[in-house]
Amino acid sequence: MSQPPIRTDRFASFDGTELAWHELGEGRPVVLIHGYFSDANTNWVRYGHAAAIAAMGFRVIMPDLRAHGQSARPHDPASYPRDALAQDGHALVAHLGLADYDLGGYSLGARTTGRMLATGATPRRIVFSGMGLEGMTHAERRADHFRNILGNLGTHERGSPAWLAEAFLKTTGGDPVALLRVIDTFVSTPQEQLARFQWPALVVNGVEDDDNGSAAALADALPDARLVEVPGGHMSAVTKPELGQAIAAFLAA
């Protein structure tokens, strides 16, 4: 089935870095943020999730994070301060003039959603996907894993997690230097702060996905969350229609 047309535009973020965002559908705005090494097209468009959500009456807004997709990929370390991705999210919300919207993300996008909430975002509902409690509260737990991948490209054992991540990086055309800088932006959100996230929340994870820790523990740590498990692991859950269907059903409820 062919995908509906995607609208793409760009804006200057808080520090002047040019970022791209993509839109599909009309109606209530929902901002969805993709994962590390990925982009909006891979996470949300390619496998039909954005279309499923748009069909429920939503304007699906999907930024490409800095150093990803069609956004700028600066190599200067100064372009990657702590919480830069959350600041980019706030800048996009302000640029679009969004006052009543929903917010969510997958993996790094979920962590970025958490950081936006921790630094003042006020959506109606929130979605954490591809994320567990440890990934939120200990943002550094997989930093060395990614530094190893990006610092030793071409040397990883075939079939290993690092080799698979490098293979995925090739499919998205990622810039290793810029992506390495992104790690410097990571900030944890303490569990006591998560306990103050009063928004209705969906925690939706692949049933085989524990890359970022326990999704069930994350749901338990949030005051008003429901947990939905979909088929797959961290890399494969995004290819399953159940992911987009779960998000669409939650947002439309």
Protein backbone atom coordinates (compact mmCIF):
# COMPACT_ATOMS: atom_id res chain seq x y z
CA MET A 1 0.00 0.00 0.00
CA SER A 2 1.40 3.41 -0.97
CA GLN A 3 2.07 5.92 1.76
CA PRO A 4 0.16 9.25 1.84
CA PRO A 5 2.30 12.27 0.94
CA ILE A 6 4.59 13.56 3.67
CA ARG A 7 5.16 17.29 4.11
CA THR A 8 8.71 18.33 5.04
CA ASP A 9 9.97 21.70 6.30
CA ARG A 10 12.90 23.12 8.23
CA PHE A 11 13.52 25.67 10.96
CA ALA A 12 16.39 27.12 13.00
CA SER A 13 16.55 25.63 16.49
CA PHE A 14 17.59 27.33 19.75
CA ASP A 15 21.23 27.64 18.64
CA GLY A 16 20.62 28.21 14.94
CA THR A 17 21.08 24.57 13.90
CA GLU A 18 18.78 23.78 10.98
CA LEU A 19 16.42 20.93 11.78
CA ALA A 20 13.90 19.16 9.57
CA TRP A 21 10.46 17.95 10.51
CA HIS A 22 7.88 15.95 8.60
CA GLU A 23 4.09 16.00 8.83
CA LEU A 24 1.24 13.72 7.89
CA GLY A 25 -2.48 14.19 8.42
CA GLU A 26 -4.74 16.88 9.81
CA GLY A 27 -6.24 17.37 13.25
CA ARG A 28 -4.91 17.27 16.77
CA PRO A 29 -1.08 17.64 16.79
CA VAL A 30 1.08 14.81 18.08
CA VAL A 31 4.87 15.14 18.08
CA LEU A 32 6.69 11.81 17.70
CA ILE A 33 10.46 11.61 18.11
CA HIS A 34 12.56 8.83 16.58
CA GLY A 35 15.39 6.78 18.06
CA TYR A 36 19.19 6.93 17.92
CA PHE A 37 20.80 6.10 14.54
CA SER A 38 17.30 6.31 13.03
CA ASP A 39 15.16 9.07 11.50
CA ALA A 40 11.50 10.03 11.25
CA ASN A 41 10.98 8.09 8.04
CA THR A 42 12.43 4.84 9.39
CA ASN A 43 10.71 5.01 12.78
CA TRP A 44 7.31 6.41 11.93
CA VAL A 45 6.62 6.51 8.19
CA ARG A 46 8.10 3.43 6.51
CA TYR A 47 6.10 0.84 8.42
CA GLY A 48 2.81 2.72 8.49
CA HIS A 49 2.69 4.00 12.07
CA ALA A 50 2.27 7.65 11.12
CA ALA A 51 -0.46 6.75 8.64
CA ALA A 52 -2.31 4.68 11.26
CA ILE A 53 -2.21 7.58 13.73
CA ALA A 54 -3.15 10.19 11.10
CA ALA A 55 -6.14 8.07 10.10
CA MET A 56 -7.50 8.56 13.62
CA GLY A 57 -7.65 12.34 13.09
CA PHE A 58 -4.17 13.47 14.05
CA ARG A 59 -1.59 15.83 12.59
CA VAL A 60 1.53 13.71 13.06
CA ILE A 61 4.65 15.87 13.45
CA MET A 62 7.94 13.96 13.22
CA PRO A 63 11.23 15.83 13.66
CA ASP A 64 14.59 14.50 12.55
CA LEU A 65 16.84 14.91 15.59
CA ARG A 66 20.02 16.92 15.12
CA ALA A 67 22.71 14.72 13.52
CA HIS A 68 19.98 12.48 12.07
CA GLY A 69 17.92 12.25 8.89
CA GLN A 70 17.52 15.49 6.97
CA SER A 71 18.58 17.70 9.88
CA ALA A 72 21.99 19.34 10.13
CA ARG A 73 24.88 17.17 11.28
CA PRO A 74 27.42 19.55 12.82
CA HIS A 75 30.73 18.13 14.01
CA ASP A 76 31.53 20.97 16.44
CA PRO A 77 31.23 19.70 20.04
CA ALA A 78 29.68 23.06 20.95
CA SER A 79 26.60 22.01 18.99
CA TYR A 80 25.91 19.20 21.46
CA PRO A 81 25.30 20.66 24.94
CA ARG A 82 23.53 18.57 27.55
CA ASP A 83 19.81 18.27 26.83
CA ALA A 84 20.25 19.70 23.33
CA LEU A 85 17.65 17.30 21.93
CA ALA A 86 15.06 18.39 24.49
CA GLN A 87 15.85 22.02 23.69
CA ASP A 88 15.31 21.21 20.01
CA GLY A 89 11.94 19.70 20.90
CA HIS A 90 10.90 22.81 22.79
CA ALA A 91 12.07 24.96 19.87
CA LEU A 92 9.94 22.97 17.42
CA VAL A 93 6.85 23.22 19.63
CA ALA A 94 7.40 26.98 19.89
CA HIS A 95 8.08 27.35 16.16
CA LEU A 96 4.83 25.59 15.31
CA GLY A 97 2.89 27.44 18.00
CA LEU A 98 1.60 24.23 19.57
CA ALA A 99 -0.41 24.80 22.75
CA ASP A 100 -2.54 21.65 22.90
CA TYR A 101 -0.71 18.58 21.64
CA ASP A 102 0.45 15.06 22.47
CA LEU A 103 4.09 13.98 22.72
CA GLY A 104 6.00 10.73 22.47
CA GLY A 105 9.01 8.92 21.15
CA TYR A 106 10.83 5.66 20.55
CA SER A 107 14.06 4.76 22.39
CA LEU A 108 16.17 7.96 22.38
CA GLY A 109 12.97 9.70 21.31
CA ALA A 110 11.28 8.43 24.48
CA ARG A 111 14.16 9.65 26.61
CA THR A 112 13.98 13.01 24.82
CA THR A 113 10.25 13.13 25.55
CA GLY A 114 11.07 12.58 29.21
CA ARG A 115 13.61 15.36 29.18
CA MET A 116 11.12 17.73 27.52
CA LEU A 117 8.60 16.93 30.26
CA ALA A 118 11.27 17.46 32.92
CA THR A 119 12.12 20.86 31.44
CA GLY A 120 8.65 22.29 31.02
CA ALA A 121 6.73 20.63 28.18
CA THR A 122 2.95 20.47 28.79
CA PRO A 123 1.32 17.97 26.40
CA ARG A 124 -2.05 16.28 26.92
CA ARG A 125 -0.83 12.68 26.73
CA ILE A 126 2.58 11.05 26.46
CA VAL A 127 4.00 7.94 24.82
CA PHE A 128 7.17 6.13 25.85
CA SER A 129 8.13 3.38 23.41
CA GLY A 130 11.26 1.25 23.14
CA MET A 131 12.16 2.47 26.63
CA GLY A 132 12.49 1.01 30.10
CA LEU A 133 13.03 2.49 33.53
CA GLU A 134 16.83 2.10 33.48
CA GLY A 135 17.08 3.85 30.12
CA MET A 136 15.35 6.88 31.59
CA THR A 137 17.07 7.01 34.96
CA HIS A 138 20.55 5.98 33.76
CA ALA A 139 21.02 7.59 30.36
CA GLU A 140 24.69 6.66 30.36
CA ARG A 141 24.12 2.89 30.72
CA ARG A 142 24.57 2.19 26.99
CA ALA A 143 26.80 5.13 26.11
CA ASP A 144 29.97 3.03 26.01
CA HIS A 145 28.17 0.47 23.82
CA PHE A 146 27.46 3.17 21.24
CA ARG A 147 30.90 4.72 21.53
CA ASN A 148 32.36 1.29 20.78
CA ILE A 149 30.12 0.88 17.73
CA LEU A 150 30.94 4.30 16.30
CA GLY A 151 34.62 4.21 17.20
CA ASN A 152 35.32 0.79 15.70
CA LEU A 153 33.26 0.68 12.52
CA GLY A 154 34.09 -2.22 10.25
CA THR A 155 35.63 -4.36 13.01
CA HIS A 156 32.58 -5.78 14.79
CA GLU A 157 31.93 -9.51 14.81
CA ARG A 158 29.28 -10.49 12.29
CA GLY A 159 25.94 -11.06 13.99
CA SER A 160 26.94 -9.31 17.23
CA PRO A 161 24.76 -6.48 18.63
CA ALA A 162 27.44 -3.97 17.58
CA TRP A 163 27.55 -5.41 14.05
CA LEU A 164 23.75 -5.26 13.76
CA ALA A 165 23.72 -1.65 14.98
CA GLU A 166 26.39 -0.74 12.43
CA ALA A 167 24.35 -2.41 9.70
CA PHE A 168 21.34 -0.33 10.72
CA LEU A 169 23.49 2.81 10.72
CA LYS A 170 24.40 2.10 7.10
CA THR A 171 20.74 1.83 6.08
CA THR A 172 19.96 5.27 7.54
CA GLY A 173 23.13 6.91 6.18
CA GLY A 174 24.21 8.10 9.61
CA ASP A 175 27.20 10.36 10.20
CA PRO A 176 29.41 8.60 12.79
CA VAL A 177 31.19 11.77 13.94
CA ALA A 178 27.99 13.72 14.53
CA LEU A 179 26.26 10.74 16.14
CA LEU A 180 29.14 10.29 18.55
CA ARG A 181 28.64 13.89 19.68
CA VAL A 182 24.96 13.21 20.36
CA ILE A 183 25.96 10.94 23.27
CA ASP A 184 27.27 14.04 25.06
CA THR A 185 23.72 15.46 25.13
CA PHE A 186 22.26 12.54 27.14
CA VAL A 187 20.73 13.44 30.52
CA SER A 188 19.03 11.08 32.97
CA THR A 189 15.62 11.73 34.51
CA PRO A 190 15.56 10.62 38.18
CA GLN A 191 12.81 8.24 39.26
CA GLU A 192 11.47 10.76 41.74
CA GLN A 193 10.92 13.15 38.84
CA LEU A 194 9.20 10.44 36.79
CA ALA A 195 6.84 10.00 39.73
CA ARG A 196 5.70 13.61 39.17
CA PHE A 197 4.76 13.01 35.51
CA GLN A 198 0.99 13.22 35.95
CA TRP A 199 0.12 12.98 32.27
CA PRO A 200 -1.80 9.92 31.02
CA ALA A 201 0.96 7.75 29.56
CA LEU A 202 1.34 4.79 27.25
CA VAL A 203 4.42 2.61 27.67
CA VAL A 204 4.54 0.41 24.56
CA ASN A 205 7.43 -1.99 24.01
CA GLY A 206 8.43 -5.03 22.04
CA VAL A 207 7.81 -8.09 24.17
CA GLU A 208 11.44 -9.16 23.58
CA ASP A 209 12.93 -5.68 24.12
CA ASP A 210 14.99 -5.08 27.24
CA ASP A 211 17.68 -2.88 25.64
CA ASN A 212 16.68 0.06 27.82
CA GLY A 213 15.66 -1.96 30.84
CA SER A 214 12.19 -2.89 32.04
CA ALA A 215 9.19 -1.28 30.35
CA ALA A 216 6.96 -2.71 33.08
CA ALA A 217 9.06 -0.97 35.74
CA LEU A 218 8.80 2.30 33.81
CA ALA A 219 5.02 1.98 33.66
CA ASP A 220 4.97 1.25 37.39
CA ALA A 221 7.10 4.34 38.09
CA LEU A 222 4.63 6.65 36.32
CA PRO A 223 1.49 7.80 38.15
CA ASP A 224 -0.95 7.20 35.28
CA ALA A 225 0.48 4.73 32.78
CA ARG A 226 -0.66 1.66 30.92
CA LEU A 227 1.74 -0.94 29.52
CA VAL A 228 1.17 -2.50 26.08
CA GLU A 229 3.48 -5.16 24.66
CA VAL A 230 3.79 -5.63 20.91
CA PRO A 231 5.68 -8.27 18.94
CA GLY A 232 9.44 -7.98 18.46
CA GLY A 233 12.61 -6.71 20.06
CA HIS A 234 14.20 -3.28 20.11
CA MET A 235 15.13 -3.24 16.43
CA SER A 236 12.14 -5.20 15.09
CA ALA A 237 9.18 -3.77 17.03
CA VAL A 238 9.19 -0.69 14.80
CA THR A 239 8.47 -2.92 11.79
CA LYS A 240 5.29 -4.33 13.35
CA PRO A 241 1.91 -2.69 12.68
CA GLU A 242 0.88 -3.31 16.28
CA LEU A 243 3.19 -0.49 17.42
CA GLY A 244 1.39 2.22 15.47
CA GLN A 245 -1.99 0.68 16.21
CA ALA A 246 -1.32 0.80 19.96
CA ILE A 247 -0.22 4.44 19.83
CA ALA A 248 -3.19 5.43 17.65
CA ALA A 249 -5.68 3.69 19.94
CA PHE A 250 -4.21 5.34 23.06
CA LEU A 251 -4.17 8.84 21.60
CA ALA A 252 -7.68 8.54 20.20
CA ALA A 253 -9.23 7.14 23.39
